[in-house]
Amino acid sequence: MDYFEMMKGFLLSPLESFRKVRDTDWGDSLRYYLILLVINAVLSAIVSIGMASAAWTSFSALFTQAGVPLPAVAGTGVIVFALVMIIVQFVLVFIGAAWLHIFVSVLGGRRGYLQTLKALTFGSTPAMLFGWIPFIGFLASIWSFILGIFGIRELQDMTTVRAAIAVILAVLAVLLIMIAIVAFFVIASYSVVTPVPVIVP
């Protein structure tokens, strides 16, 4: 598999590209996704180090004028963070695919978990390649979301409507769970800090 040619395909002709990867195995799909993760991590790390260095230079100039020199900012922390994120995202794609596959199965997808995993790994191409660019990264994420729907449709032999409903429901369910968790902690913290009124007879 020519991975970089596949990246170009998913950006310019995604439907045809999904049809080409219908019979790919676990190895090709995961290697492709790992390459995307590394590209994204490297580009994100470069941007982060550049931004951190610029901010640190301005910040340290104030201390230097006061006679308190500060060491130059190191990019080691950013690099370590990038490596951790590669591992975390690689693991999360399996969990995300399993979660999405529940809704895909309910709505009629019958071609197995691997096809759902491939819809996520190959569909993430725009977000991984351009997600590190401000604003453009947001648009790339939306494009990847749409590609996920196309991927489910093509790889699970579903209609566009059913594929879209499956993907949207999977995302909405996660959002609702997150909102419920945040609301629980907000209510719990509020009840802790709010003093209980004492009734004096």
N, C-alpha and C. Protein backbone atom coordinates (compact mmCIF):
# COMPACT_ATOMS: atom_id res chain seq x y z
N MET A 1 0.84 -1.19 0.00
CA MET A 1 0.00 0.00 0.00
C MET A 1 0.88 1.25 0.00
N ASP A 2 0.60 2.18 -0.93
CA ASP A 2 1.29 3.46 -0.96
C ASP A 2 0.54 4.40 -0.03
N TYR A 3 1.04 4.54 1.19
CA TYR A 3 0.30 5.28 2.22
C TYR A 3 0.12 6.74 1.86
N PHE A 4 1.14 7.37 1.31
CA PHE A 4 1.03 8.79 0.99
C PHE A 4 0.10 9.02 -0.20
N GLU A 5 0.05 8.08 -1.11
CA GLU A 5 -0.91 8.16 -2.21
C GLU A 5 -2.33 8.00 -1.67
N MET A 6 -2.48 7.14 -0.65
CA MET A 6 -3.78 6.97 -0.02
C MET A 6 -4.23 8.23 0.69
N MET A 7 -3.30 8.93 1.33
CA MET A 7 -3.65 10.20 1.98
C MET A 7 -4.20 11.19 0.96
N LYS A 8 -3.52 11.27 -0.17
CA LYS A 8 -3.99 12.15 -1.25
C LYS A 8 -5.37 11.73 -1.72
N GLY A 9 -5.59 10.42 -1.81
CA GLY A 9 -6.88 9.91 -2.25
C GLY A 9 -8.01 10.27 -1.30
N PHE A 10 -7.77 10.14 0.01
CA PHE A 10 -8.83 10.44 0.98
C PHE A 10 -9.11 11.94 1.07
N LEU A 11 -8.17 12.75 0.64
CA LEU A 11 -8.40 14.20 0.62
C LEU A 11 -9.16 14.63 -0.63
N LEU A 12 -8.86 13.99 -1.77
CA LEU A 12 -9.39 14.45 -3.04
C LEU A 12 -10.51 13.57 -3.59
N SER A 13 -10.45 12.28 -3.35
CA SER A 13 -11.49 11.37 -3.86
C SER A 13 -11.79 10.30 -2.81
N PRO A 14 -12.42 10.70 -1.70
CA PRO A 14 -12.61 9.79 -0.56
C PRO A 14 -13.48 8.57 -0.85
N LEU A 15 -14.54 8.74 -1.63
CA LEU A 15 -15.43 7.60 -1.88
C LEU A 15 -14.69 6.48 -2.62
N GLU A 16 -13.96 6.86 -3.63
CA GLU A 16 -13.18 5.87 -4.37
C GLU A 16 -12.12 5.23 -3.47
N SER A 17 -11.53 6.04 -2.60
CA SER A 17 -10.48 5.52 -1.71
C SER A 17 -11.04 4.53 -0.70
N PHE A 18 -12.23 4.81 -0.18
CA PHE A 18 -12.85 3.87 0.76
C PHE A 18 -13.15 2.54 0.08
N ARG A 19 -13.56 2.59 -1.16
CA ARG A 19 -13.83 1.35 -1.88
C ARG A 19 -12.56 0.55 -2.10
N LYS A 20 -11.43 1.24 -2.27
CA LYS A 20 -10.15 0.55 -2.47
C LYS A 20 -9.68 -0.16 -1.21
N VAL A 21 -10.03 0.39 -0.02
CA VAL A 21 -9.52 -0.20 1.22
C VAL A 21 -10.51 -1.18 1.84
N ARG A 22 -11.56 -1.50 1.12
CA ARG A 22 -12.58 -2.41 1.66
C ARG A 22 -11.98 -3.75 2.10
N ASP A 23 -10.99 -4.24 1.35
CA ASP A 23 -10.42 -5.56 1.64
C ASP A 23 -9.07 -5.50 2.34
N THR A 24 -8.65 -4.32 2.81
CA THR A 24 -7.37 -4.23 3.53
C THR A 24 -7.49 -4.90 4.89
N ASP A 25 -6.37 -5.37 5.41
CA ASP A 25 -6.39 -6.08 6.69
C ASP A 25 -6.07 -5.13 7.85
N TRP A 26 -5.98 -5.70 9.04
CA TRP A 26 -5.68 -4.92 10.25
C TRP A 26 -4.35 -4.20 10.11
N GLY A 27 -3.35 -4.91 9.61
CA GLY A 27 -2.00 -4.36 9.56
C GLY A 27 -1.91 -3.09 8.74
N ASP A 28 -2.44 -3.12 7.51
CA ASP A 28 -2.38 -1.95 6.65
C ASP A 28 -3.15 -0.77 7.25
N SER A 29 -4.32 -1.05 7.81
CA SER A 29 -5.15 0.01 8.38
C SER A 29 -4.45 0.68 9.56
N LEU A 30 -3.88 -0.12 10.44
CA LEU A 30 -3.25 0.44 11.64
C LEU A 30 -1.92 1.11 11.32
N ARG A 31 -1.18 0.57 10.35
CA ARG A 31 0.07 1.23 9.94
C ARG A 31 -0.23 2.60 9.33
N TYR A 32 -1.28 2.66 8.53
CA TYR A 32 -1.68 3.94 7.94
C TYR A 32 -2.02 4.95 9.03
N TYR A 33 -2.81 4.51 10.01
CA TYR A 33 -3.21 5.40 11.10
C TYR A 33 -2.02 5.83 11.94
N LEU A 34 -1.08 4.91 12.16
CA LEU A 34 0.11 5.25 12.95
C LEU A 34 0.96 6.30 12.23
N ILE A 35 1.06 6.19 10.90
CA ILE A 35 1.79 7.19 10.13
C ILE A 35 1.11 8.55 10.27
N LEU A 36 -0.22 8.57 10.21
CA LEU A 36 -0.95 9.82 10.41
C LEU A 36 -0.68 10.41 11.79
N LEU A 37 -0.68 9.56 12.81
CA LEU A 37 -0.43 10.02 14.17
C LEU A 37 0.96 10.65 14.30
N VAL A 38 1.95 10.01 13.70
CA VAL A 38 3.33 10.52 13.79
C VAL A 38 3.43 11.86 13.07
N ILE A 39 2.84 11.96 11.87
CA ILE A 39 2.87 13.22 11.13
C ILE A 39 2.22 14.33 11.94
N ASN A 40 1.05 14.03 12.49
CA ASN A 40 0.33 15.03 13.29
C ASN A 40 1.13 15.44 14.52
N ALA A 41 1.73 14.46 15.19
CA ALA A 41 2.49 14.75 16.41
C ALA A 41 3.73 15.60 16.11
N VAL A 42 4.44 15.28 15.02
CA VAL A 42 5.64 16.03 14.66
C VAL A 42 5.29 17.47 14.31
N LEU A 43 4.28 17.66 13.47
CA LEU A 43 3.90 19.01 13.07
C LEU A 43 3.36 19.81 14.26
N SER A 44 2.56 19.15 15.10
CA SER A 44 2.03 19.83 16.29
C SER A 44 3.15 20.21 17.25
N ALA A 45 4.14 19.32 17.40
CA ALA A 45 5.27 19.60 18.30
C ALA A 45 6.09 20.78 17.79
N ILE A 46 6.31 20.85 16.48
CA ILE A 46 7.07 21.96 15.91
C ILE A 46 6.37 23.28 16.17
N VAL A 47 5.07 23.30 15.93
CA VAL A 47 4.29 24.53 16.16
C VAL A 47 4.30 24.90 17.64
N SER A 48 4.10 23.90 18.51
CA SER A 48 4.06 24.16 19.95
C SER A 48 5.39 24.67 20.47
N ILE A 49 6.49 24.06 20.02
CA ILE A 49 7.82 24.51 20.45
C ILE A 49 8.08 25.94 19.97
N GLY A 50 7.69 26.22 18.72
CA GLY A 50 7.88 27.57 18.19
C GLY A 50 7.10 28.61 18.97
N MET A 51 5.83 28.29 19.28
CA MET A 51 5.00 29.23 20.04
C MET A 51 5.52 29.39 21.46
N ALA A 52 5.92 28.27 22.08
CA ALA A 52 6.43 28.33 23.45
C ALA A 52 7.73 29.12 23.52
N SER A 53 8.59 28.92 22.52
CA SER A 53 9.87 29.63 22.51
C SER A 53 9.67 31.13 22.35
N ALA A 54 8.74 31.50 21.45
CA ALA A 54 8.47 32.93 21.24
C ALA A 54 7.90 33.56 22.50
N ALA A 55 6.96 32.88 23.13
CA ALA A 55 6.36 33.42 24.36
C ALA A 55 7.39 33.50 25.48
N TRP A 56 8.23 32.46 25.58
CA TRP A 56 9.24 32.42 26.65
C TRP A 56 10.30 33.51 26.46
N THR A 57 10.64 33.78 25.19
CA THR A 57 11.62 34.83 24.90
C THR A 57 11.12 36.19 25.37
N SER A 58 9.86 36.47 25.08
CA SER A 58 9.28 37.74 25.52
C SER A 58 9.18 37.80 27.04
N PHE A 59 8.81 36.68 27.64
CA PHE A 59 8.64 36.62 29.09
C PHE A 59 9.98 36.78 29.80
N SER A 60 10.99 36.07 29.29
CA SER A 60 12.30 36.11 29.96
C SER A 60 12.98 37.46 29.80
N ALA A 61 12.62 38.20 28.73
CA ALA A 61 13.23 39.52 28.52
C ALA A 61 12.90 40.45 29.69
N LEU A 62 11.72 40.32 30.24
CA LEU A 62 11.33 41.15 31.37
C LEU A 62 12.20 40.86 32.59
N PHE A 63 12.50 39.58 32.83
CA PHE A 63 13.33 39.21 33.96
C PHE A 63 14.79 39.59 33.73
N THR A 64 15.23 39.51 32.48
CA THR A 64 16.61 39.88 32.16
C THR A 64 16.85 41.36 32.43
N GLN A 65 15.86 42.18 32.09
CA GLN A 65 15.98 43.61 32.36
C GLN A 65 16.04 43.89 33.85
N ALA A 66 15.42 43.01 34.63
CA ALA A 66 15.44 43.17 36.08
C ALA A 66 16.66 42.51 36.70
N GLY A 67 17.54 41.95 35.85
CA GLY A 67 18.76 41.32 36.35
C GLY A 67 18.57 39.90 36.81
N VAL A 68 17.48 39.26 36.38
CA VAL A 68 17.21 37.87 36.77
C VAL A 68 17.12 37.03 35.49
N PRO A 69 18.24 36.50 35.00
CA PRO A 69 18.21 35.72 33.75
C PRO A 69 17.48 34.40 33.93
N LEU A 70 16.76 34.00 32.90
CA LEU A 70 16.03 32.72 32.91
C LEU A 70 16.62 31.81 31.84
N PRO A 71 16.62 30.49 32.07
CA PRO A 71 17.14 29.56 31.06
C PRO A 71 16.24 29.52 29.83
N ALA A 72 16.82 29.12 28.71
CA ALA A 72 16.03 29.00 27.48
C ALA A 72 15.03 27.86 27.63
N VAL A 73 13.88 28.04 27.00
CA VAL A 73 12.84 27.02 27.10
C VAL A 73 13.28 25.76 26.36
N ALA A 74 12.99 24.62 26.93
CA ALA A 74 13.35 23.34 26.32
C ALA A 74 12.13 22.71 25.68
N GLY A 75 12.36 22.02 24.57
CA GLY A 75 11.24 21.38 23.88
C GLY A 75 11.05 19.93 24.28
N THR A 76 11.82 19.47 25.27
CA THR A 76 11.73 18.06 25.67
C THR A 76 10.34 17.69 26.14
N GLY A 77 9.75 18.60 26.94
CA GLY A 77 8.41 18.32 27.46
C GLY A 77 7.39 18.19 26.35
N VAL A 78 7.49 19.04 25.33
CA VAL A 78 6.56 18.98 24.20
C VAL A 78 6.73 17.66 23.45
N ILE A 79 7.98 17.23 23.27
CA ILE A 79 8.25 15.99 22.54
C ILE A 79 7.70 14.78 23.31
N VAL A 80 7.92 14.77 24.63
CA VAL A 80 7.40 13.68 25.45
C VAL A 80 5.88 13.66 25.39
N PHE A 81 5.28 14.84 25.46
CA PHE A 81 3.82 14.94 25.38
C PHE A 81 3.31 14.40 24.04
N ALA A 82 4.03 14.72 22.95
CA ALA A 82 3.64 14.24 21.62
C ALA A 82 3.69 12.72 21.56
N LEU A 83 4.73 12.12 22.14
CA LEU A 83 4.85 10.66 22.15
C LEU A 83 3.71 10.02 22.95
N VAL A 84 3.39 10.64 24.08
CA VAL A 84 2.28 10.12 24.90
C VAL A 84 0.97 10.20 24.13
N MET A 85 0.76 11.31 23.42
CA MET A 85 -0.48 11.49 22.67
C MET A 85 -0.59 10.47 21.53
N ILE A 86 0.53 10.11 20.92
CA ILE A 86 0.49 9.08 19.87
C ILE A 86 -0.02 7.78 20.44
N ILE A 87 0.51 7.40 21.60
CA ILE A 87 0.09 6.15 22.24
C ILE A 87 -1.38 6.21 22.65
N VAL A 88 -1.77 7.32 23.27
CA VAL A 88 -3.15 7.47 23.75
C VAL A 88 -4.14 7.43 22.58
N GLN A 89 -3.85 8.17 21.52
CA GLN A 89 -4.77 8.20 20.38
C GLN A 89 -4.82 6.86 19.66
N PHE A 90 -3.71 6.15 19.65
CA PHE A 90 -3.69 4.83 19.02
C PHE A 90 -4.59 3.87 19.78
N VAL A 91 -4.60 3.98 21.09
CA VAL A 91 -5.47 3.12 21.91
C VAL A 91 -6.92 3.56 21.79
N LEU A 92 -7.14 4.88 21.79
CA LEU A 92 -8.50 5.40 21.78
C LEU A 92 -9.25 5.09 20.48
N VAL A 93 -8.51 4.92 19.38
CA VAL A 93 -9.21 4.64 18.13
C VAL A 93 -9.91 3.28 18.19
N PHE A 94 -9.34 2.33 18.92
CA PHE A 94 -9.99 1.02 19.10
C PHE A 94 -11.27 1.17 19.93
N ILE A 95 -11.18 1.98 20.99
CA ILE A 95 -12.34 2.19 21.85
C ILE A 95 -13.42 2.96 21.10
N GLY A 96 -13.00 4.00 20.38
CA GLY A 96 -13.97 4.79 19.62
C GLY A 96 -14.66 3.97 18.55
N ALA A 97 -13.91 3.10 17.89
CA ALA A 97 -14.50 2.24 16.86
C ALA A 97 -15.49 1.26 17.48
N ALA A 98 -15.16 0.72 18.65
CA ALA A 98 -16.07 -0.21 19.32
C ALA A 98 -17.37 0.49 19.71
N TRP A 99 -17.23 1.72 20.21
CA TRP A 99 -18.41 2.50 20.60
C TRP A 99 -19.28 2.80 19.36
N LEU A 100 -18.66 3.27 18.29
CA LEU A 100 -19.39 3.58 17.07
C LEU A 100 -20.02 2.33 16.48
N HIS A 101 -19.34 1.21 16.60
CA HIS A 101 -19.84 -0.02 15.99
C HIS A 101 -21.14 -0.49 16.66
N ILE A 102 -21.34 -0.13 17.91
CA ILE A 102 -22.61 -0.46 18.57
C ILE A 102 -23.77 0.18 17.81
N PHE A 103 -23.63 1.45 17.49
CA PHE A 103 -24.70 2.17 16.78
C PHE A 103 -24.80 1.72 15.32
N VAL A 104 -23.65 1.41 14.72
CA VAL A 104 -23.65 0.91 13.35
C VAL A 104 -24.41 -0.42 13.28
N SER A 105 -24.17 -1.30 14.25
CA SER A 105 -24.83 -2.61 14.26
C SER A 105 -26.33 -2.46 14.45
N VAL A 106 -26.72 -1.56 15.36
CA VAL A 106 -28.15 -1.34 15.62
C VAL A 106 -28.87 -0.85 14.36
N LEU A 107 -28.16 -0.04 13.57
CA LEU A 107 -28.77 0.55 12.38
C LEU A 107 -28.54 -0.27 11.11
N GLY A 108 -28.02 -1.49 11.26
CA GLY A 108 -27.99 -2.39 10.12
C GLY A 108 -26.63 -2.73 9.55
N GLY A 109 -25.55 -2.21 10.13
CA GLY A 109 -24.21 -2.57 9.65
C GLY A 109 -23.86 -3.99 10.02
N ARG A 110 -23.46 -4.78 9.04
CA ARG A 110 -23.23 -6.20 9.31
C ARG A 110 -21.86 -6.70 8.81
N ARG A 111 -20.95 -5.77 8.49
CA ARG A 111 -19.68 -6.21 7.92
C ARG A 111 -18.54 -6.27 8.94
N GLY A 112 -18.87 -6.14 10.21
CA GLY A 112 -17.88 -6.37 11.24
C GLY A 112 -17.17 -5.14 11.77
N TYR A 113 -16.54 -5.35 12.92
CA TYR A 113 -15.86 -4.26 13.64
C TYR A 113 -14.70 -3.67 12.83
N LEU A 114 -13.97 -4.49 12.10
CA LEU A 114 -12.81 -4.01 11.35
C LEU A 114 -13.20 -2.91 10.37
N GLN A 115 -14.34 -3.08 9.71
CA GLN A 115 -14.77 -2.07 8.74
C GLN A 115 -15.07 -0.73 9.42
N THR A 116 -15.63 -0.79 10.62
CA THR A 116 -15.88 0.44 11.38
C THR A 116 -14.57 1.07 11.80
N LEU A 117 -13.63 0.25 12.23
CA LEU A 117 -12.30 0.76 12.60
C LEU A 117 -11.64 1.44 11.41
N LYS A 118 -11.76 0.84 10.23
CA LYS A 118 -11.16 1.43 9.04
C LYS A 118 -11.84 2.74 8.67
N ALA A 119 -13.15 2.83 8.90
CA ALA A 119 -13.85 4.09 8.62
C ALA A 119 -13.27 5.22 9.47
N LEU A 120 -12.90 4.91 10.72
CA LEU A 120 -12.31 5.92 11.60
C LEU A 120 -10.86 6.22 11.25
N THR A 121 -10.06 5.17 11.03
CA THR A 121 -8.64 5.39 10.78
C THR A 121 -8.40 6.12 9.46
N PHE A 122 -9.04 5.66 8.40
CA PHE A 122 -8.86 6.31 7.11
C PHE A 122 -9.60 7.64 7.05
N GLY A 123 -10.75 7.71 7.71
CA GLY A 123 -11.52 8.95 7.70
C GLY A 123 -10.87 10.08 8.48
N SER A 124 -9.94 9.76 9.35
CA SER A 124 -9.28 10.80 10.16
C SER A 124 -8.19 11.54 9.39
N THR A 125 -7.97 11.18 8.14
CA THR A 125 -6.87 11.75 7.35
C THR A 125 -6.82 13.28 7.37
N PRO A 126 -7.91 14.01 7.04
CA PRO A 126 -7.82 15.47 7.04
C PRO A 126 -7.48 16.05 8.41
N ALA A 127 -8.10 15.54 9.46
CA ALA A 127 -7.86 16.06 10.81
C ALA A 127 -6.42 15.83 11.24
N MET A 128 -5.86 14.68 10.90
CA MET A 128 -4.49 14.37 11.29
C MET A 128 -3.47 15.19 10.50
N LEU A 129 -3.74 15.44 9.23
CA LEU A 129 -2.79 16.16 8.41
C LEU A 129 -2.83 17.67 8.62
N PHE A 130 -4.03 18.19 8.95
CA PHE A 130 -4.18 19.65 9.04
C PHE A 130 -4.73 20.12 10.38
N GLY A 131 -4.93 19.19 11.32
CA GLY A 131 -5.51 19.57 12.61
C GLY A 131 -4.64 20.49 13.44
N TRP A 132 -3.35 20.57 13.15
CA TRP A 132 -2.42 21.41 13.91
C TRP A 132 -2.45 22.86 13.46
N ILE A 133 -3.15 23.17 12.36
CA ILE A 133 -3.22 24.54 11.85
C ILE A 133 -4.44 25.24 12.43
N PRO A 134 -4.27 26.39 13.08
CA PRO A 134 -5.41 27.12 13.65
C PRO A 134 -6.49 27.40 12.60
N PHE A 135 -7.73 27.28 12.98
CA PHE A 135 -8.93 27.47 12.17
C PHE A 135 -9.05 26.40 11.09
N ILE A 136 -8.01 26.23 10.27
CA ILE A 136 -8.05 25.19 9.23
C ILE A 136 -8.22 23.83 9.89
N GLY A 137 -7.62 23.65 11.07
CA GLY A 137 -7.75 22.40 11.79
C GLY A 137 -9.20 22.09 12.14
N PHE A 138 -9.97 23.13 12.48
CA PHE A 138 -11.40 22.94 12.78
C PHE A 138 -12.16 22.47 11.55
N LEU A 139 -11.87 23.09 10.42
CA LEU A 139 -12.52 22.68 9.16
C LEU A 139 -12.11 21.26 8.79
N ALA A 140 -10.83 20.92 9.03
CA ALA A 140 -10.36 19.57 8.73
C ALA A 140 -11.07 18.54 9.61
N SER A 141 -11.35 18.90 10.85
CA SER A 141 -12.06 17.98 11.75
C SER A 141 -13.48 17.73 11.25
N ILE A 142 -14.13 18.79 10.76
CA ILE A 142 -15.48 18.62 10.20
C ILE A 142 -15.43 17.71 8.97
N TRP A 143 -14.40 17.89 8.13
CA TRP A 143 -14.24 17.05 6.94
C TRP A 143 -14.02 15.60 7.34
N SER A 144 -13.24 15.38 8.40
CA SER A 144 -13.02 14.01 8.88
C SER A 144 -14.32 13.41 9.41
N PHE A 145 -15.14 14.23 10.07
CA PHE A 145 -16.43 13.75 10.56
C PHE A 145 -17.30 13.28 9.39
N ILE A 146 -17.31 14.07 8.31
CA ILE A 146 -18.07 13.70 7.12
C ILE A 146 -17.49 12.44 6.47
N LEU A 147 -16.16 12.37 6.44
CA LEU A 147 -15.52 11.17 5.88
C LEU A 147 -15.87 9.93 6.70
N GLY A 148 -16.02 10.10 8.01
CA GLY A 148 -16.42 8.97 8.84
C GLY A 148 -17.77 8.43 8.42
N ILE A 149 -18.69 9.33 8.08
CA ILE A 149 -20.01 8.92 7.60
C ILE A 149 -19.88 8.19 6.26
N PHE A 150 -19.09 8.78 5.35
CA PHE A 150 -18.87 8.13 4.05
C PHE A 150 -18.24 6.75 4.23
N GLY A 151 -17.29 6.67 5.17
CA GLY A 151 -16.61 5.41 5.40
C GLY A 151 -17.55 4.34 5.90
N ILE A 152 -18.41 4.69 6.85
CA ILE A 152 -19.39 3.73 7.36
C ILE A 152 -20.33 3.30 6.24
N ARG A 153 -20.75 4.26 5.43
CA ARG A 153 -21.66 3.92 4.31
C ARG A 153 -21.01 2.94 3.34
N GLU A 154 -19.77 3.23 2.96
CA GLU A 154 -19.12 2.40 1.95
C GLU A 154 -18.65 1.05 2.49
N LEU A 155 -18.12 1.05 3.71
CA LEU A 155 -17.52 -0.17 4.26
C LEU A 155 -18.53 -1.07 4.95
N GLN A 156 -19.66 -0.50 5.40
CA GLN A 156 -20.68 -1.31 6.06
C GLN A 156 -21.90 -1.55 5.18
N ASP A 157 -21.84 -1.09 3.92
CA ASP A 157 -22.96 -1.26 2.99
C ASP A 157 -24.26 -0.72 3.57
N MET A 158 -24.21 0.50 4.08
CA MET A 158 -25.38 1.15 4.64
C MET A 158 -25.78 2.34 3.77
N THR A 159 -27.00 2.81 3.96
CA THR A 159 -27.42 4.03 3.27
C THR A 159 -26.73 5.23 3.94
N THR A 160 -26.69 6.33 3.21
CA THR A 160 -26.07 7.54 3.76
C THR A 160 -26.79 7.99 5.01
N VAL A 161 -28.12 7.91 5.00
CA VAL A 161 -28.92 8.36 6.15
C VAL A 161 -28.62 7.51 7.38
N ARG A 162 -28.61 6.20 7.22
CA ARG A 162 -28.33 5.31 8.36
C ARG A 162 -26.91 5.50 8.88
N ALA A 163 -25.96 5.66 7.97
CA ALA A 163 -24.58 5.89 8.39
C ALA A 163 -24.45 7.20 9.15
N ALA A 164 -25.11 8.24 8.65
CA ALA A 164 -25.05 9.54 9.32
C ALA A 164 -25.69 9.48 10.70
N ILE A 165 -26.82 8.80 10.79
CA ILE A 165 -27.50 8.67 12.09
C ILE A 165 -26.61 7.92 13.09
N ALA A 166 -25.96 6.86 12.63
CA ALA A 166 -25.09 6.07 13.51
C ALA A 166 -23.94 6.93 14.05
N VAL A 167 -23.29 7.68 13.18
CA VAL A 167 -22.16 8.51 13.59
C VAL A 167 -22.62 9.64 14.51
N ILE A 168 -23.71 10.30 14.13
CA ILE A 168 -24.22 11.42 14.94
C ILE A 168 -24.67 10.95 16.31
N LEU A 169 -25.37 9.82 16.37
CA LEU A 169 -25.82 9.29 17.67
C LEU A 169 -24.63 8.92 18.55
N ALA A 170 -23.60 8.33 17.96
CA ALA A 170 -22.41 7.96 18.73
C ALA A 170 -21.75 9.19 19.34
N VAL A 171 -21.66 10.27 18.56
CA VAL A 171 -21.05 11.51 19.05
C VAL A 171 -21.93 12.16 20.10
N LEU A 172 -23.24 12.23 19.83
CA LEU A 172 -24.16 12.86 20.79
C LEU A 172 -24.19 12.11 22.11
N ALA A 173 -24.13 10.80 22.05
CA ALA A 173 -24.14 10.00 23.28
C ALA A 173 -22.92 10.32 24.15
N VAL A 174 -21.76 10.46 23.52
CA VAL A 174 -20.55 10.81 24.26
C VAL A 174 -20.68 12.20 24.87
N LEU A 175 -21.21 13.15 24.10
CA LEU A 175 -21.40 14.51 24.60
C LEU A 175 -22.35 14.54 25.79
N LEU A 176 -23.43 13.79 25.70
CA LEU A 176 -24.41 13.74 26.80
C LEU A 176 -23.79 13.14 28.05
N ILE A 177 -22.98 12.10 27.87
CA ILE A 177 -22.31 11.48 29.02
C ILE A 177 -21.35 12.47 29.67
N MET A 178 -20.60 13.21 28.84
CA MET A 178 -19.66 14.19 29.36
C MET A 178 -20.39 15.31 30.09
N ILE A 179 -21.51 15.78 29.53
CA ILE A 179 -22.31 16.83 30.17
C ILE A 179 -22.86 16.35 31.51
N ALA A 180 -23.32 15.09 31.53
CA ALA A 180 -23.85 14.54 32.78
C ALA A 180 -22.77 14.44 33.85
N ILE A 181 -21.55 14.04 33.45
CA ILE A 181 -20.44 13.94 34.42
C ILE A 181 -20.07 15.31 34.96
N VAL A 182 -19.96 16.29 34.05
CA VAL A 182 -19.62 17.66 34.49
C VAL A 182 -20.70 18.21 35.41
N ALA A 183 -21.97 17.99 35.03
CA ALA A 183 -23.07 18.48 35.86
C ALA A 183 -23.05 17.83 37.24
N PHE A 184 -22.73 16.54 37.29
CA PHE A 184 -22.66 15.85 38.58
C PHE A 184 -21.61 16.47 39.49
N PHE A 185 -20.41 16.73 38.93
CA PHE A 185 -19.34 17.31 39.74
C PHE A 185 -19.64 18.75 40.14
N VAL A 186 -20.29 19.50 39.24
CA VAL A 186 -20.66 20.88 39.59
C VAL A 186 -21.66 20.90 40.73
N ILE A 187 -22.68 20.03 40.62
CA ILE A 187 -23.69 19.96 41.68
C ILE A 187 -23.07 19.47 42.98
N ALA A 188 -22.18 18.48 42.87
CA ALA A 188 -21.53 17.94 44.08
C ALA A 188 -20.65 18.99 44.74
N SER A 189 -19.87 19.72 43.94
CA SER A 189 -19.00 20.75 44.52
C SER A 189 -19.81 21.89 45.10
N TYR A 190 -20.93 22.22 44.46
CA TYR A 190 -21.78 23.31 44.95
C TYR A 190 -22.40 22.94 46.30
N SER A 191 -22.82 21.68 46.42
CA SER A 191 -23.43 21.24 47.67
C SER A 191 -22.41 21.19 48.80
N VAL A 192 -21.12 20.99 48.45
CA VAL A 192 -20.08 20.94 49.47
C VAL A 192 -19.75 22.34 49.99
N VAL A 193 -19.62 23.29 49.08
CA VAL A 193 -19.22 24.65 49.48
C VAL A 193 -20.38 25.47 50.01
N THR A 194 -21.61 25.11 49.67
CA THR A 194 -22.76 25.86 50.15
C THR A 194 -23.05 25.50 51.59
N PRO A 195 -23.01 26.47 52.49
CA PRO A 195 -23.26 26.17 53.90
C PRO A 195 -24.71 25.78 54.13
N VAL A 196 -24.88 24.83 55.01
CA VAL A 196 -26.23 24.37 55.37
C VAL A 196 -26.82 25.33 56.38
N PRO A 197 -27.97 25.92 56.08
CA PRO A 197 -28.55 26.88 57.04
C PRO A 197 -28.89 26.23 58.37
N VAL A 198 -28.57 26.92 59.44
CA VAL A 198 -28.85 26.43 60.77
C VAL A 198 -30.11 27.11 61.28
N ILE A 199 -31.07 26.30 61.64
CA ILE A 199 -32.34 26.83 62.14
C ILE A 199 -32.25 26.95 63.66
N VAL A 200 -32.37 28.19 64.13
CA VAL A 200 -32.30 28.42 65.59
C VAL A 200 -33.71 28.45 66.14
N PRO A 201 -33.99 27.59 67.07
CA PRO A 201 -35.36 27.57 67.64
C PRO A 201 -35.65 28.83 68.45
